[in-house]
PDB file of N, CA and C in Angstrom:
ATOM      1  N   MET A   1       0.871  -1.187  -0.078  1.00  0.00           N
ATOM      2  CA  MET A   1      -0.006   0.069  -0.057  1.00  0.00           C
ATOM      3  C   MET A   1       0.928   1.269   0.074  1.00  0.00           C
ATOM      4  N   LEU A   2       2.095   1.158   0.369  1.00  0.00           N
ATOM      5  CA  LEU A   2       3.003   2.381   0.339  1.00  0.00           C
ATOM      6  C   LEU A   2       3.148   2.697  -0.938  1.00  0.00           C
ATOM      7  N   LEU A   3       3.185   1.964  -1.897  1.00  0.00           N
ATOM      8  CA  LEU A   3       3.535   2.217  -3.377  1.00  0.00           C
ATOM      9  C   LEU A   3       2.294   2.955  -3.970  1.00  0.00           C
ATOM     10  N   THR A   4       1.229   3.281  -3.291  1.00  0.00           N
ATOM     11  CA  THR A   4       0.137   4.006  -3.819  1.00  0.00           C
ATOM     12  C   THR A   4       0.492   5.513  -3.672  1.00  0.00           C
ATOM     13  N   MET A   5       1.582   5.773  -3.077  1.00  0.00           N
ATOM     14  CA  MET A   5       1.854   7.395  -2.864  1.00  0.00           C
ATOM     15  C   MET A   5       2.638   7.663  -4.162  1.00  0.00           C
ATOM     16  N   ILE A   6       2.948   6.628  -5.097  1.00  0.00           N
ATOM     17  CA  ILE A   6       3.457   7.181  -6.363  1.00  0.00           C
ATOM     18  C   ILE A   6       2.505   7.990  -7.243  1.00  0.00           C
ATOM     19  N   VAL A   7       1.207   7.907  -6.918  1.00  0.00           N
ATOM     20  CA  VAL A   7       0.273   8.770  -7.322  1.00  0.00           C
ATOM     21  C   VAL A   7       0.477  10.078  -7.350  1.00  0.00           C
ATOM     22  N   ASP A   8       1.460  10.703  -6.220  1.00  0.00           N
ATOM     23  CA  ASP A   8       1.740  12.027  -6.234  1.00  0.00           C
ATOM     24  C   ASP A   8       2.532  12.563  -7.301  1.00  0.00           C
ATOM     25  N   LEU A   9       3.192  11.606  -8.085  1.00  0.00           N
ATOM     26  CA  LEU A   9       4.067  12.176  -9.404  1.00  0.00           C
ATOM     27  C   LEU A   9       3.320  12.919 -10.316  1.00  0.00           C
ATOM     28  N   ASP A  10       1.950  13.000 -10.051  1.00  0.00           N
ATOM     29  CA  ASP A  10       1.157  13.906 -11.035  1.00  0.00           C
ATOM     30  C   ASP A  10       1.309  15.206 -10.708  1.00  0.00           C
ATOM     31  N   HIS A  11       1.783  15.562  -9.542  1.00  0.00           N
ATOM     32  CA  HIS A  11       2.241  16.973  -8.983  1.00  0.00           C
ATOM     33  C   HIS A  11       3.168  17.616  -9.957  1.00  0.00           C
ATOM     34  N   LEU A  12       4.010  16.696 -10.524  1.00  0.00           N
ATOM     35  CA  LEU A  12       5.031  17.282 -11.373  1.00  0.00           C
ATOM     36  C   LEU A  12       4.430  17.907 -12.606  1.00  0.00           C
ATOM     37  N   LEU A  13       3.312  17.562 -13.140  1.00  0.00           N
ATOM     38  CA  LEU A  13       2.680  18.014 -14.242  1.00  0.00           C
ATOM     39  C   LEU A  13       2.061  19.369 -14.143  1.00  0.00           C
ATOM     40  N   SER A  14       2.016  20.078 -12.784  1.00  0.00           N
ATOM     41  CA  SER A  14       1.356  21.255 -12.641  1.00  0.00           C
ATOM     42  C   SER A  14       2.285  22.403 -12.665  1.00  0.00           C
ATOM     43  N   ASN A  15       1.900  23.570 -12.702  1.00  0.00           N
ATOM     44  CA  ASN A  15       2.753  24.773 -12.834  1.00  0.00           C
ATOM     45  C   ASN A  15       2.101  25.732 -12.006  1.00  0.00           C
ATOM     46  N   PRO A  16       2.722  26.178 -10.991  1.00  0.00           N
ATOM     47  CA  PRO A  16       3.941  25.730 -10.215  1.00  0.00           C
ATOM     48  C   PRO A  16       3.867  24.303  -9.660  1.00  0.00           C
ATOM     49  N   ILE A  17       5.042  23.581  -9.317  1.00  0.00           N
ATOM     50  CA  ILE A  17       4.680  22.172  -8.873  1.00  0.00           C
ATOM     51  C   ILE A  17       4.148  22.209  -7.582  1.00  0.00           C
ATOM     52  N   TYR A  18       4.522  23.094  -6.772  1.00  0.00           N
ATOM     53  CA  TYR A  18       4.064  23.202  -5.275  1.00  0.00           C
ATOM     54  C   TYR A  18       3.666  24.645  -5.109  1.00  0.00           C
ATOM     55  N   GLN A  19       2.273  24.758  -4.480  1.00  0.00           N
ATOM     56  CA  GLN A  19       1.639  25.831  -4.058  1.00  0.00           C
ATOM     57  C   GLN A  19       1.115  25.582  -2.811  1.00  0.00           C
ATOM     58  N   ALA A  20       1.479  26.465  -1.823  1.00  0.00           N
ATOM     59  CA  ALA A  20       1.029  26.144  -0.508  1.00  0.00           C
ATOM     60  C   ALA A  20      -0.504  26.021  -0.348  1.00  0.00           C
ATOM     61  N   GLU A  21      -1.259  26.923  -0.833  1.00  0.00           N
ATOM     62  CA  GLU A  21      -2.804  26.940  -0.555  1.00  0.00           C
ATOM     63  C   GLU A  21      -3.522  26.149  -1.547  1.00  0.00           C
ATOM     64  N   ARG A  22      -2.789  25.293  -2.251  1.00  0.00           N
ATOM     65  CA  ARG A  22      -3.743  24.599  -3.534  1.00  0.00           C
ATOM     66  C   ARG A  22      -4.219  23.126  -3.002  1.00  0.00           C
ATOM     67  N   CYS A  23      -5.475  23.002  -3.037  1.00  0.00           N
ATOM     68  CA  CYS A  23      -6.070  21.601  -2.858  1.00  0.00           C
ATOM     69  C   CYS A  23      -5.734  20.873  -4.165  1.00  0.00           C
ATOM     70  N   SER A  24      -5.084  19.665  -3.777  1.00  0.00           N
ATOM     71  CA  SER A  24      -4.829  18.648  -4.764  1.00  0.00           C
ATOM     72  C   SER A  24      -5.996  17.832  -5.285  1.00  0.00           C
ATOM     73  N   ILE A  25      -7.066  17.772  -4.675  1.00  0.00           N
ATOM     74  CA  ILE A  25      -8.401  17.174  -5.185  1.00  0.00           C
ATOM     75  C   ILE A  25      -8.936  17.919  -6.250  1.00  0.00           C
ATOM     76  N   ASN A  26      -9.072  17.278  -7.346  1.00  0.00           N
ATOM     77  CA  ASN A  26      -9.680  17.727  -8.658  1.00  0.00           C
ATOM     78  C   ASN A  26      -8.571  18.803  -9.202  1.00  0.00           C
ATOM     79  N   PHE A  27      -7.532  18.862  -8.850  1.00  0.00           N
ATOM     80  CA  PHE A  27      -6.658  19.774  -9.470  1.00  0.00           C
ATOM     81  C   PHE A  27      -5.551  18.736 -10.421  1.00  0.00           C
ATOM     82  N   HIS A  28      -4.998  17.952  -9.891  1.00  0.00           N
ATOM     83  CA  HIS A  28      -4.079  16.956 -10.567  1.00  0.00           C
ATOM     84  C   HIS A  28      -4.823  15.991 -11.220  1.00  0.00           C
ATOM     85  N   PRO A  29      -4.287  15.333 -12.345  1.00  0.00           N
ATOM     86  CA  PRO A  29      -5.137  14.160 -12.947  1.00  0.00           C
ATOM     87  C   PRO A  29      -5.425  13.055 -12.241  1.00  0.00           C
ATOM     88  N   LEU A  30      -4.476  12.569 -11.457  1.00  0.00           N
ATOM     89  CA  LEU A  30      -4.547  11.301 -10.685  1.00  0.00           C
ATOM     90  C   LEU A  30      -5.411  11.554  -9.251  1.00  0.00           C
ATOM     91  N   HIS A  31      -5.664  12.795  -9.152  1.00  0.00           N
ATOM     92  CA  HIS A  31      -6.566  13.280  -7.981  1.00  0.00           C
ATOM     93  C   HIS A  31      -7.808  13.820  -8.451  1.00  0.00           C
ATOM     94  N   SER A  32      -8.324  13.628  -9.638  1.00  0.00           N
ATOM     95  CA  SER A  32      -9.684  13.941 -10.028  1.00  0.00           C
ATOM     96  C   SER A  32     -10.673  13.177  -9.541  1.00  0.00           C
ATOM     97  N   TYR A  33     -11.984  13.798  -9.665  1.00  0.00           N
ATOM     98  CA  TYR A  33     -13.177  12.894  -9.382  1.00  0.00           C
ATOM     99  C   TYR A  33     -13.346  11.723 -10.120  1.00  0.00           C
ATOM    100  N   TYR A  34     -12.952  11.769 -11.541  1.00  0.00           N
ATOM    101  CA  TYR A  34     -13.045  10.456 -12.350  1.00  0.00           C
ATOM    102  C   TYR A  34     -11.880   9.524 -11.805  1.00  0.00           C
ATOM    103  N   ALA A  35     -10.871   9.840 -11.535  1.00  0.00           N
ATOM    104  CA  ALA A  35      -9.737   8.940 -11.122  1.00  0.00           C
ATOM    105  C   ALA A  35     -10.302   8.350  -9.656  1.00  0.00           C
ATOM    106  N   ILE A  36     -10.780   9.085  -8.851  1.00  0.00           N
ATOM    107  CA  ILE A  36     -11.350   8.592  -7.601  1.00  0.00           C
ATOM    108  C   ILE A  36     -12.551   7.647  -7.791  1.00  0.00           C
ATOM    109  N   ALA A  37     -13.262   7.861  -8.776  1.00  0.00           N
ATOM    110  CA  ALA A  37     -14.344   6.936  -9.167  1.00  0.00           C
ATOM    111  C   ALA A  37     -13.714   5.475  -9.548  1.00  0.00           C
ATOM    112  N   ALA A  38     -12.702   5.680 -10.376  1.00  0.00           N
ATOM    113  CA  ALA A  38     -11.956   4.425 -10.696  1.00  0.00           C
ATOM    114  C   ALA A  38     -11.325   3.793  -9.609  1.00  0.00           C
ATOM    115  N   TYR A  39     -10.875   4.477  -8.525  1.00  0.00           N
ATOM    116  CA  TYR A  39     -10.314   3.832  -7.318  1.00  0.00           C
ATOM    117  C   TYR A  39     -11.417   3.040  -6.624  1.00  0.00           C
ATOM    118  N   VAL A  40     -12.613   3.672  -6.562  1.00  0.00           N
ATOM    119  CA  VAL A  40     -13.690   3.080  -6.029  1.00  0.00           C
ATOM    120  C   VAL A  40     -14.072   1.755  -6.547  1.00  0.00           C
ATOM    121  N   ILE A  41     -13.971   1.709  -7.923  1.00  0.00           N
ATOM    122  CA  ILE A  41     -14.495   0.394  -8.725  1.00  0.00           C
ATOM    123  C   ILE A  41     -13.248  -0.504  -8.446  1.00  0.00           C
ATOM    124  N   MET A  42     -12.129  -0.005  -8.365  1.00  0.00           N
ATOM    125  CA  MET A  42     -10.953  -0.897  -7.971  1.00  0.00           C
ATOM    126  C   MET A  42     -11.066  -1.942  -6.731  1.00  0.00           C
ATOM    127  N   ILE A  43     -11.902  -1.247  -5.805  1.00  0.00           N
ATOM    128  CA  ILE A  43     -11.815  -2.014  -4.497  1.00  0.00           C
ATOM    129  C   ILE A  43     -12.856  -3.297  -4.604  1.00  0.00           C
ATOM    130  N   PHE A  44     -13.593  -3.439  -5.819  1.00  0.00           N
ATOM    131  CA  PHE A  44     -14.439  -4.562  -6.085  1.00  0.00           C
ATOM    132  C   PHE A  44     -13.731  -5.600  -6.914  1.00  0.00           C
ATOM    133  N   LEU A  45     -12.575  -5.382  -7.320  1.00  0.00           N
ATOM    134  CA  LEU A  45     -11.850  -6.343  -8.150  1.00  0.00           C
ATOM    135  C   LEU A  45     -11.069  -7.263  -7.158  1.00  0.00           C
ATOM    136  N   ARG A  46     -10.461  -8.268  -7.984  1.00  0.00           N
ATOM    137  CA  ARG A  46      -9.567  -9.251  -7.261  1.00  0.00           C
ATOM    138  C   ARG A  46      -8.199  -8.544  -6.741  1.00  0.00           C
ATOM    139  N   ARG A  47      -7.584  -9.333  -5.846  1.00  0.00           N
ATOM    140  CA  ARG A  47      -6.234  -8.839  -5.364  1.00  0.00           C
ATOM    141  C   ARG A  47      -5.483  -8.873  -6.573  1.00  0.00           C
ATOM    142  N   PRO A  48      -4.427  -8.177  -6.691  1.00  0.00           N
ATOM    143  CA  PRO A  48      -3.965  -6.910  -5.769  1.00  0.00           C
ATOM    144  C   PRO A  48      -4.657  -5.670  -6.068  1.00  0.00           C
ATOM    145  N   TYR A  49      -5.542  -5.623  -7.121  1.00  0.00           N
ATOM    146  CA  TYR A  49      -6.250  -4.411  -7.446  1.00  0.00           C
ATOM    147  C   TYR A  49      -6.971  -3.758  -6.241  1.00  0.00           C
ATOM    148  N   ASN A  50      -7.826  -4.623  -5.567  1.00  0.00           N
ATOM    149  CA  ASN A  50      -8.464  -4.172  -4.524  1.00  0.00           C
ATOM    150  C   ASN A  50      -7.819  -3.464  -3.501  1.00  0.00           C
ATOM    151  N   ILE A  51      -6.620  -4.049  -2.982  1.00  0.00           N
ATOM    152  CA  ILE A  51      -5.648  -3.370  -2.180  1.00  0.00           C
ATOM    153  C   ILE A  51      -5.058  -2.013  -2.730  1.00  0.00           C
ATOM    154  N   ILE A  52      -4.835  -2.186  -4.007  1.00  0.00           N
ATOM    155  CA  ILE A  52      -4.248  -0.740  -4.609  1.00  0.00           C
ATOM    156  C   ILE A  52      -5.337   0.245  -4.583  1.00  0.00           C
ATOM    157  N   GLY A  53      -6.574  -0.199  -4.735  1.00  0.00           N
ATOM    158  CA  GLY A  53      -7.898   0.730  -4.768  1.00  0.00           C
ATOM    159  C   GLY A  53      -8.031   1.310  -3.315  1.00  0.00           C
ATOM    160  N   ILE A  54      -7.795   0.329  -2.283  1.00  0.00           N
ATOM    161  CA  ILE A  54      -7.890   0.960  -0.936  1.00  0.00           C
ATOM    162  C   ILE A  54      -6.904   1.808  -0.588  1.00  0.00           C
ATOM    163  N   GLY A  55      -5.659   1.637  -1.053  1.00  0.00           N
ATOM    164  CA  GLY A  55      -4.556   2.404  -0.638  1.00  0.00           C
ATOM    165  C   GLY A  55      -4.717   3.906  -1.296  1.00  0.00           C
ATOM    166  N   LEU A  56      -5.183   3.812  -2.707  1.00  0.00           N
ATOM    167  CA  LEU A  56      -5.499   5.120  -3.379  1.00  0.00           C
ATOM    168  C   LEU A  56      -6.568   5.861  -2.730  1.00  0.00           C
ATOM    169  N   LEU A  57      -7.574   5.287  -2.179  1.00  0.00           N
ATOM    170  CA  LEU A  57      -8.873   6.035  -1.570  1.00  0.00           C
ATOM    171  C   LEU A  57      -8.273   6.651  -0.393  1.00  0.00           C
ATOM    172  N   LEU A  58      -7.411   5.724   0.389  1.00  0.00           N
ATOM    173  CA  LEU A  58      -6.769   6.323   1.638  1.00  0.00           C
ATOM    174  C   LEU A  58      -6.007   7.604   1.389  1.00  0.00           C
ATOM    175  N   HIS A  59      -5.346   7.464   0.363  1.00  0.00           N
ATOM    176  CA  HIS A  59      -4.496   8.688  -0.029  1.00  0.00           C
ATOM    177  C   HIS A  59      -5.258   9.821  -0.441  1.00  0.00           C
ATOM    178  N   MET A  60      -6.457   9.706  -1.047  1.00  0.00           N
ATOM    179  CA  MET A  60      -7.351  10.705  -1.526  1.00  0.00           C
ATOM    180  C   MET A  60      -7.907  11.326  -0.207  1.00  0.00           C
ATOM    181  N   LEU A  61      -8.303  10.397   0.699  1.00  0.00           N
ATOM    182  CA  LEU A  61      -8.733  10.755   2.136  1.00  0.00           C
ATOM    183  C   LEU A  61      -7.864  11.739   2.784  1.00  0.00           C
ATOM    184  N   THR A  62      -6.576  11.465   2.795  1.00  0.00           N
ATOM    185  CA  THR A  62      -5.568  12.394   3.384  1.00  0.00           C
ATOM    186  C   THR A  62      -5.521  13.585   2.862  1.00  0.00           C
ATOM    187  N   ASP A  63      -5.579  13.466   1.454  1.00  0.00           N
ATOM    188  CA  ASP A  63      -5.294  14.846   0.741  1.00  0.00           C
ATOM    189  C   ASP A  63      -6.598  15.572   0.797  1.00  0.00           C
ATOM    190  N   PHE A  64      -7.859  14.918   1.030  1.00  0.00           N
ATOM    191  CA  PHE A  64      -9.077  15.843   1.215  1.00  0.00           C
ATOM    192  C   PHE A  64      -8.992  16.294   2.610  1.00  0.00           C
ATOM    193  N   ILE A  65      -8.480  15.805   3.687  1.00  0.00           N
ATOM    194  CA  ILE A  65      -8.489  16.169   5.122  1.00  0.00           C
ATOM    195  C   ILE A  65      -7.415  17.475   4.946  1.00  0.00           C
ATOM    196  N   ASP A  66      -6.312  17.297   4.179  1.00  0.00           N
ATOM    197  CA  ASP A  66      -5.460  18.369   4.234  1.00  0.00           C
ATOM    198  C   ASP A  66      -6.122  19.661   3.464  1.00  0.00           C
ATOM    199  N   CYS A  67      -6.910  19.382   2.564  1.00  0.00           N
ATOM    200  CA  CYS A  67      -7.739  20.497   1.880  1.00  0.00           C
ATOM    201  C   CYS A  67      -8.776  21.211   3.090  1.00  0.00           C
ATOM    202  N   LEU A  68      -9.251  20.299   3.673  1.00  0.00           N
ATOM    203  CA  LEU A  68     -10.084  20.908   4.847  1.00  0.00           C
ATOM    204  C   LEU A  68      -9.489  21.791   5.742  1.00  0.00           C
ATOM    205  N   MET A  69      -8.159  21.306   6.187  1.00  0.00           N
ATOM    206  CA  MET A  69      -7.526  21.911   7.085  1.00  0.00           C
ATOM    207  C   MET A  69      -6.871  23.370   6.596  1.00  0.00           C
ATOM    208  N   ARG A  70      -6.680  23.452   5.388  1.00  0.00           N
ATOM    209  CA  ARG A  70      -6.056  24.696   4.624  1.00  0.00           C
ATOM    210  C   ARG A  70      -7.236  25.673   4.627  1.00  0.00           C
ATOM    211  N   ASN A  71      -8.335  25.333   4.389  1.00  0.00           N
ATOM    212  CA  ASN A  71      -9.504  26.239   4.203  1.00  0.00           C
ATOM    213  C   ASN A  71     -10.234  26.552   5.522  1.00  0.00           C
TER     214      ASN A  71
END
């Protein structure tokens, strides 16, 4: 599940790469609502896809909590 942190590589596609007040949910391609829907679907698939889906959803949850704390 630690490998699901690789999803943060999509931050390299944004300009600027880091902005302190930016919420990554629905800003980066792998943090979009469509991607999150795909991660939800992944939890219903067989192993190892369901474990990857759970890890990605937990990652999105922590990013969402970060967004709530910033605003």
